[in-house]
């Protein structure tokens, strides 16, 4: 349960960082989404 919120929070933080700081955070966000798709979607 907590893993789901942790992944969602990390993806949100990386999305903000990719817009504000650097595009390298976008790559990290994509990697996190690919490896934790079930946690992010919640199925």
Protein backbone atom coordinates (compact mmCIF):
# COMPACT_ATOMS: atom_id res chain seq x y z
CA UNK A 1 0.00 0.00 0.00
CA UNK A 2 2.71 2.47 0.97
CA UNK A 3 4.72 1.42 -2.09
CA UNK A 4 1.92 2.72 -4.32
CA UNK A 5 2.00 6.18 -2.73
CA UNK A 6 5.78 6.23 -2.73
CA UNK A 7 5.91 5.53 -6.47
CA UNK A 8 3.23 8.13 -7.22
CA UNK A 9 5.02 10.73 -5.13
CA UNK A 10 8.36 9.97 -6.77
CA UNK A 11 6.84 10.23 -10.25
CA UNK A 12 5.23 13.55 -9.37
CA UNK A 13 8.46 14.92 -7.96
CA UNK A 14 10.42 13.78 -11.00
CA UNK A 15 7.85 15.37 -13.30
CA UNK A 16 8.27 18.72 -11.54
CA UNK A 17 12.05 18.41 -11.58
CA UNK A 18 12.09 17.56 -15.27
CA UNK A 19 10.16 20.75 -16.05
CA UNK A 20 12.04 23.03 -13.67
CA UNK A 21 15.60 21.68 -13.68
CA UNK A 22 16.65 19.25 -16.38
CA UNK A 23 15.33 16.73 -18.85
CA UNK A 24 17.41 13.95 -17.27
CA UNK A 25 14.75 13.68 -14.56
CA UNK A 26 12.22 12.88 -17.28
CA UNK A 27 14.31 9.84 -18.20
CA UNK A 28 14.36 8.75 -14.56
CA UNK A 29 10.58 9.18 -14.39
CA UNK A 30 10.06 7.01 -17.47
CA UNK A 31 12.32 4.30 -16.07
CA UNK A 32 10.42 4.37 -12.77
CA UNK A 33 7.07 4.14 -14.57
CA UNK A 34 8.23 1.20 -16.68
CA UNK A 35 9.56 -0.75 -13.72
CA UNK A 36 6.65 0.02 -11.34
CA UNK A 37 3.64 0.22 -13.63
CA UNK A 38 1.43 -1.93 -11.39
CA UNK A 39 2.20 0.18 -8.33
CA UNK A 40 1.50 3.43 -10.17
CA UNK A 41 -1.77 2.31 -11.78
CA UNK A 42 -2.91 0.36 -8.73
CA UNK A 43 -4.01 -2.87 -10.37
